[in-house]
N, C-alpha and C. Protein backbone atom coordinates (compact mmCIF):
# COMPACT_ATOMS: atom_id res chain seq x y z
N UNK A 1 -80.08 -32.77 4.19
CA UNK A 1 -80.00 -31.33 5.48
C UNK A 1 -78.69 -31.50 5.48
N UNK A 2 -79.01 -30.36 5.92
CA UNK A 2 -77.45 -30.18 6.97
C UNK A 2 -77.98 -29.08 8.11
N UNK A 3 -76.91 -29.97 8.81
CA UNK A 3 -76.92 -29.43 10.54
C UNK A 3 -75.85 -28.62 10.74
N UNK A 4 -76.33 -27.88 11.94
CA UNK A 4 -75.40 -26.89 12.10
C UNK A 4 -74.66 -27.84 13.13
N UNK A 5 -73.55 -27.25 13.54
CA UNK A 5 -72.80 -27.96 15.06
C UNK A 5 -72.91 -26.82 15.66
N UNK A 6 -72.54 -27.43 17.17
CA UNK A 6 -72.61 -26.34 17.78
C UNK A 6 -71.00 -26.11 18.76
N UNK A 7 -71.05 -24.52 18.29
CA UNK A 7 -70.05 -23.44 18.62
C UNK A 7 -69.34 -23.06 19.21
N UNK A 8 -68.77 -22.50 19.68
CA UNK A 8 -68.14 -22.10 20.87
C UNK A 8 -69.21 -20.93 21.67
N UNK A 9 -69.99 -20.13 20.93
CA UNK A 9 -69.88 -19.34 21.67
C UNK A 9 -71.52 -20.36 22.58
N UNK A 10 -72.31 -20.99 21.53
CA UNK A 10 -73.31 -22.23 22.22
C UNK A 10 -72.70 -22.62 23.26
N UNK A 11 -71.22 -23.22 23.30
CA UNK A 11 -70.84 -23.67 24.61
C UNK A 11 -71.37 -22.83 25.96
N UNK A 12 -70.94 -21.24 25.40
CA UNK A 12 -71.06 -20.69 26.80
C UNK A 12 -71.31 -19.81 26.82
N UNK A 13 -73.37 -20.10 26.39
CA UNK A 13 -74.09 -19.51 26.83
C UNK A 13 -74.43 -17.73 25.92
N UNK A 14 -73.64 -17.83 25.16
CA UNK A 14 -73.72 -15.96 24.20
C UNK A 14 -74.53 -15.59 23.01
N UNK A 15 -74.81 -16.95 23.02
CA UNK A 15 -75.70 -16.58 20.91
C UNK A 15 -75.12 -16.78 20.16
N UNK A 16 -76.30 -16.26 19.47
CA UNK A 16 -75.25 -15.82 17.77
C UNK A 16 -75.30 -13.93 17.52
N UNK A 17 -75.75 -13.47 18.20
CA UNK A 17 -75.19 -11.97 18.07
C UNK A 17 -73.97 -11.74 17.79
N UNK A 18 -73.99 -11.19 17.06
CA UNK A 18 -72.18 -10.62 17.26
C UNK A 18 -71.17 -9.60 18.25
N UNK A 19 -70.17 -9.72 18.90
CA UNK A 19 -69.68 -8.73 19.82
C UNK A 19 -69.69 -7.26 18.78
N UNK A 20 -70.01 -5.73 19.99
CA UNK A 20 -69.63 -5.07 20.02
C UNK A 20 -67.98 -4.73 19.21
N UNK A 21 -67.65 -4.36 18.57
CA UNK A 21 -65.98 -3.76 17.72
C UNK A 21 -65.26 -3.76 19.56
N UNK A 22 -65.60 -2.95 20.09
CA UNK A 22 -64.68 -2.05 20.87
C UNK A 22 -65.03 -3.60 21.94
N UNK A 23 -65.75 -4.56 21.49
CA UNK A 23 -65.62 -5.60 22.63
C UNK A 23 -64.92 -6.99 22.66
N UNK A 24 -64.33 -6.86 21.56
CA UNK A 24 -64.03 -8.05 20.77
C UNK A 24 -62.20 -8.01 20.36
N UNK A 25 -62.22 -9.34 20.43
CA UNK A 25 -60.43 -9.38 20.86
C UNK A 25 -59.59 -9.76 19.42
N UNK A 26 -58.56 -9.10 19.63
CA UNK A 26 -57.65 -9.73 18.49
C UNK A 26 -57.23 -10.49 18.96
N UNK A 27 -57.47 -11.92 18.09
CA UNK A 27 -56.57 -12.76 17.87
C UNK A 27 -55.60 -13.35 16.40
N UNK A 28 -53.96 -13.33 16.92
CA UNK A 28 -52.84 -13.23 16.43
C UNK A 28 -52.39 -14.67 15.55
N UNK A 29 -52.44 -14.80 14.11
CA UNK A 29 -52.37 -16.17 13.88
C UNK A 29 -50.98 -16.07 13.56
N UNK A 30 -50.23 -17.33 13.18
CA UNK A 30 -49.18 -17.34 12.39
C UNK A 30 -48.11 -16.30 13.00
N UNK A 31 -47.73 -16.21 14.61
CA UNK A 31 -46.68 -15.44 14.71
C UNK A 31 -45.65 -15.69 14.82
N UNK A 32 -45.07 -17.35 14.86
CA UNK A 32 -44.23 -17.55 14.31
C UNK A 32 -44.23 -18.10 13.04
N UNK A 33 -44.43 -17.75 11.26
CA UNK A 33 -44.21 -17.49 10.30
C UNK A 33 -44.11 -18.91 10.42
N UNK A 34 -45.56 -19.86 10.61
CA UNK A 34 -45.02 -21.13 10.37
C UNK A 34 -45.86 -20.92 8.44
N UNK A 35 -46.58 -20.76 7.73
CA UNK A 35 -47.08 -20.05 7.06
C UNK A 35 -46.45 -18.74 5.97
N UNK A 36 -45.49 -18.30 6.50
CA UNK A 36 -44.85 -17.40 5.78
C UNK A 36 -43.47 -17.89 5.46
N UNK A 37 -42.83 -18.88 6.40
CA UNK A 37 -41.53 -19.45 5.96
C UNK A 37 -41.51 -20.91 6.35
N UNK A 38 -42.38 -21.61 7.21
CA UNK A 38 -41.99 -22.13 7.66
C UNK A 38 -42.13 -23.62 6.92
N UNK A 39 -42.81 -24.91 7.57
CA UNK A 39 -42.67 -25.99 7.08
C UNK A 39 -44.18 -25.98 6.29
N UNK A 40 -45.38 -25.17 6.34
CA UNK A 40 -46.47 -25.07 6.22
C UNK A 40 -46.31 -23.80 5.40
N UNK A 41 -45.52 -23.75 4.23
CA UNK A 41 -45.63 -21.92 3.87
C UNK A 41 -46.71 -22.09 2.88
N UNK A 42 -47.45 -20.80 3.04
CA UNK A 42 -48.19 -20.59 1.44
C UNK A 42 -47.55 -19.71 0.34
N UNK A 43 -47.96 -19.09 -0.93
CA UNK A 43 -47.49 -18.83 -1.45
C UNK A 43 -48.20 -17.75 -1.68
N UNK A 44 -47.49 -16.52 -2.18
CA UNK A 44 -48.72 -15.13 -2.28
C UNK A 44 -48.94 -14.44 -1.06
N UNK A 45 -48.22 -14.87 0.08
CA UNK A 45 -48.40 -14.32 1.04
C UNK A 45 -47.25 -13.11 1.56
N UNK A 46 -47.16 -12.09 2.23
CA UNK A 46 -46.37 -11.57 1.83
C UNK A 46 -45.68 -11.45 3.65
N UNK A 47 -44.99 -10.67 4.09
CA UNK A 47 -44.41 -10.49 5.19
C UNK A 47 -45.08 -9.50 5.81
N UNK A 48 -45.05 -9.39 7.19
CA UNK A 48 -46.17 -8.19 7.79
C UNK A 48 -44.88 -7.30 7.88
N UNK A 49 -45.33 -6.27 7.92
CA UNK A 49 -44.50 -4.59 8.20
C UNK A 49 -44.43 -4.52 9.86
N UNK A 50 -42.61 -4.31 9.82
CA UNK A 50 -42.46 -4.08 10.93
C UNK A 50 -42.91 -2.91 11.77
N UNK A 51 -43.12 -2.30 10.89
CA UNK A 51 -44.36 -0.89 12.15
C UNK A 51 -45.18 -1.08 12.54
N UNK A 52 -44.69 -0.29 14.24
CA UNK A 52 -46.81 -0.30 15.50
C UNK A 52 -47.24 1.09 15.72
């Protein structure tokens, strides 16, 4: 039997209904390029575009 762990949403009482996209937050991962060129480099990962 599989049990489900407690999520951050559970801890703050938000439930399991996803938020609306307009209320969502963008989480940036690997801003220091650890997975692109650092000690934890992954193969097949393209460099991000410089466009903004």
